Amino acid sequence: MHAVVVTASIAAGQIEAARQVLREQVVSRVRQSPGLIKAYWSASADGTKGVSMAVFDSKEHAEAAANMARTNPPPPGVTLNTVDINEVIAET
């Protein structure tokens, strides 16, 4: 298994709008990704930093999802800082 880990910065005035786009567009797009096992999105207490992790059944599926993240424009006020592919080495 491989995970796509994305870190993002969210402008202070755009937090609610970014969450709405996440819920209404991003989650459904990721849900349709081939090989998806599970995905999570999290935010810092002040809402200005986000981290997501989507786990895929293969490196190829993770790479396709990472390319999708890199090429789709983020919501207004959101800056993608990193899009990494990591091997999942343990789980509970």
C-alpha atoms as a PDB file:
ATOM      1  CA  MET A   1       0.000   0.000   0.000  1.00  0.00           C
ATOM      2  CA  HIS A   2       1.013   3.587  -0.621  1.00  0.00           C
ATOM      3  CA  ALA A   3      -0.319   6.863   0.756  1.00  0.00           C
ATOM      4  CA  VAL A   4      -0.601  10.286  -0.794  1.00  0.00           C
ATOM      5  CA  VAL A   5       0.145  12.838   1.923  1.00  0.00           C
ATOM      6  CA  VAL A   6      -0.731  16.458   1.163  1.00  0.00           C
ATOM      7  CA  THR A   7       0.038  19.479   3.314  1.00  0.00           C
ATOM      8  CA  ALA A   8      -1.693  22.786   2.686  1.00  0.00           C
ATOM      9  CA  SER A   9      -1.895  26.324   3.989  1.00  0.00           C
ATOM     10  CA  ILE A  10      -5.290  28.030   4.193  1.00  0.00           C
ATOM     11  CA  ALA A  11      -5.639  31.810   4.230  1.00  0.00           C
ATOM     12  CA  ALA A  12      -7.366  33.066   7.387  1.00  0.00           C
ATOM     13  CA  GLY A  13     -10.324  34.580   5.540  1.00  0.00           C
ATOM     14  CA  GLN A  14     -10.881  31.486   3.398  1.00  0.00           C
ATOM     15  CA  ILE A  15     -11.214  28.742   6.030  1.00  0.00           C
ATOM     16  CA  GLU A  16     -14.982  28.123   5.749  1.00  0.00           C
ATOM     17  CA  ALA A  17     -14.992  28.410   1.950  1.00  0.00           C
ATOM     18  CA  ALA A  18     -12.088  25.950   1.728  1.00  0.00           C
ATOM     19  CA  ARG A  19     -13.900  23.474   3.987  1.00  0.00           C
ATOM     20  CA  GLN A  20     -17.016  23.734   1.857  1.00  0.00           C
ATOM     21  CA  VAL A  21     -15.078  23.009  -1.356  1.00  0.00           C
ATOM     22  CA  LEU A  22     -13.352  20.119   0.411  1.00  0.00           C
ATOM     23  CA  ARG A  23     -16.655  18.555   1.474  1.00  0.00           C
ATOM     24  CA  GLU A  24     -18.537  19.247  -1.759  1.00  0.00           C
ATOM     25  CA  GLN A  25     -15.878  18.599  -4.404  1.00  0.00           C
ATOM     26  CA  VAL A  26     -12.553  17.204  -3.235  1.00  0.00           C
ATOM     27  CA  VAL A  27     -13.863  14.340  -1.097  1.00  0.00           C
ATOM     28  CA  SER A  28     -16.155  13.050  -3.852  1.00  0.00           C
ATOM     29  CA  ARG A  29     -13.359  13.288  -6.441  1.00  0.00           C
ATOM     30  CA  VAL A  30     -10.950  11.363  -4.220  1.00  0.00           C
ATOM     31  CA  ARG A  31     -13.657   8.821  -3.343  1.00  0.00           C
ATOM     32  CA  GLN A  32     -13.822   7.888  -7.043  1.00  0.00           C
ATOM     33  CA  SER A  33     -10.062   7.324  -7.345  1.00  0.00           C
ATOM     34  CA  PRO A  34      -9.089   3.820  -8.444  1.00  0.00           C
ATOM     35  CA  GLY A  35      -7.534   1.734  -5.688  1.00  0.00           C
ATOM     36  CA  LEU A  36      -8.560   4.028  -2.831  1.00  0.00           C
ATOM     37  CA  ILE A  37      -8.676   2.250   0.518  1.00  0.00           C
ATOM     38  CA  LYS A  38      -9.321   5.141   2.916  1.00  0.00           C
ATOM     39  CA  ALA A  39      -8.717   8.890   3.088  1.00  0.00           C
ATOM     40  CA  TYR A  40      -8.564  11.427   5.909  1.00  0.00           C
ATOM     41  CA  TRP A  41      -8.393  15.219   6.016  1.00  0.00           C
ATOM     42  CA  SER A  42      -7.347  17.150   9.097  1.00  0.00           C
ATOM     43  CA  ALA A  43      -6.880  20.792  10.072  1.00  0.00           C
ATOM     44  CA  SER A  44      -4.885  22.618  12.706  1.00  0.00           C
ATOM     45  CA  ALA A  45      -6.776  24.133  15.641  1.00  0.00           C
ATOM     46  CA  ASP A  46      -6.825  27.562  13.975  1.00  0.00           C
ATOM     47  CA  GLY A  47      -7.807  26.068  10.595  1.00  0.00           C
ATOM     48  CA  THR A  48      -4.896  27.578   8.680  1.00  0.00           C
ATOM     49  CA  LYS A  49      -3.000  24.312   8.052  1.00  0.00           C
ATOM     50  CA  GLY A  50      -4.327  21.109   6.599  1.00  0.00           C
ATOM     51  CA  VAL A  51      -2.990  17.609   6.136  1.00  0.00           C
ATOM     52  CA  SER A  52      -4.608  14.825   4.165  1.00  0.00           C
ATOM     53  CA  MET A  53      -3.690  11.185   3.746  1.00  0.00           C
ATOM     54  CA  ALA A  54      -5.253   8.915   1.164  1.00  0.00           C
ATOM     55  CA  VAL A  55      -4.190   5.273   1.182  1.00  0.00           C
ATOM     56  CA  PHE A  56      -4.174   3.272  -2.049  1.00  0.00           C
ATOM     57  CA  ASP A  57      -3.745  -0.392  -2.866  1.00  0.00           C
ATOM     58  CA  SER A  58      -0.734   0.225  -5.131  1.00  0.00           C
ATOM     59  CA  LYS A  59       2.006   2.723  -5.844  1.00  0.00           C
ATOM     60  CA  GLU A  60       0.589   3.254  -9.343  1.00  0.00           C
ATOM     61  CA  HIS A  61      -2.820   4.256  -7.992  1.00  0.00           C
ATOM     62  CA  ALA A  62      -1.159   6.563  -5.449  1.00  0.00           C
ATOM     63  CA  GLU A  63       0.906   8.184  -8.203  1.00  0.00           C
ATOM     64  CA  ALA A  64      -2.223   8.807 -10.291  1.00  0.00           C
ATOM     65  CA  ALA A  65      -3.959  10.419  -7.310  1.00  0.00           C
ATOM     66  CA  ALA A  66      -0.898  12.542  -6.521  1.00  0.00           C
ATOM     67  CA  ASN A  67      -0.827  13.766 -10.125  1.00  0.00           C
ATOM     68  CA  MET A  68      -4.520  14.651  -9.832  1.00  0.00           C
ATOM     69  CA  ALA A  69      -3.793  16.659  -6.664  1.00  0.00           C
ATOM     70  CA  ARG A  70      -0.911  18.460  -8.337  1.00  0.00           C
ATOM     71  CA  THR A  71      -2.827  19.376 -11.502  1.00  0.00           C
ATOM     72  CA  ASN A  72      -6.274  20.319 -10.138  1.00  0.00           C
ATOM     73  CA  PRO A  73      -6.333  23.900  -8.898  1.00  0.00           C
ATOM     74  CA  PRO A  74      -6.838  24.170  -5.134  1.00  0.00           C
ATOM     75  CA  PRO A  75      -9.775  26.138  -3.733  1.00  0.00           C
ATOM     76  CA  PRO A  76      -9.331  29.917  -3.413  1.00  0.00           C
ATOM     77  CA  GLY A  77      -7.086  30.758  -0.476  1.00  0.00           C
ATOM     78  CA  VAL A  78      -5.567  27.263  -0.326  1.00  0.00           C
ATOM     79  CA  THR A  79      -1.917  26.637  -1.171  1.00  0.00           C
ATOM     80  CA  LEU A  80      -0.660  23.081  -1.541  1.00  0.00           C
ATOM     81  CA  ASN A  81       2.732  22.925   0.132  1.00  0.00           C
ATOM     82  CA  THR A  82       3.634  19.284  -0.464  1.00  0.00           C
ATOM     83  CA  VAL A  83       2.207  16.275  -2.285  1.00  0.00           C
ATOM     84  CA  ASP A  84       4.194  13.173  -1.335  1.00  0.00           C
ATOM     85  CA  ILE A  85       3.832   9.458  -1.975  1.00  0.00           C
ATOM     86  CA  ASN A  86       4.850   7.308   0.979  1.00  0.00           C
ATOM     87  CA  GLU A  87       4.948   3.557   1.371  1.00  0.00           C
ATOM     88  CA  VAL A  88       2.649   2.359   4.162  1.00  0.00           C
ATOM     89  CA  ILE A  89       4.914   0.269   6.385  1.00  0.00           C
ATOM     90  CA  ALA A  90       2.580  -0.522   9.314  1.00  0.00           C
ATOM     91  CA  GLU A  91      -1.086  -0.282  10.295  1.00  0.00           C
ATOM     92  CA  THR A  92      -3.339  -1.139  13.200  1.00  0.00           C
END
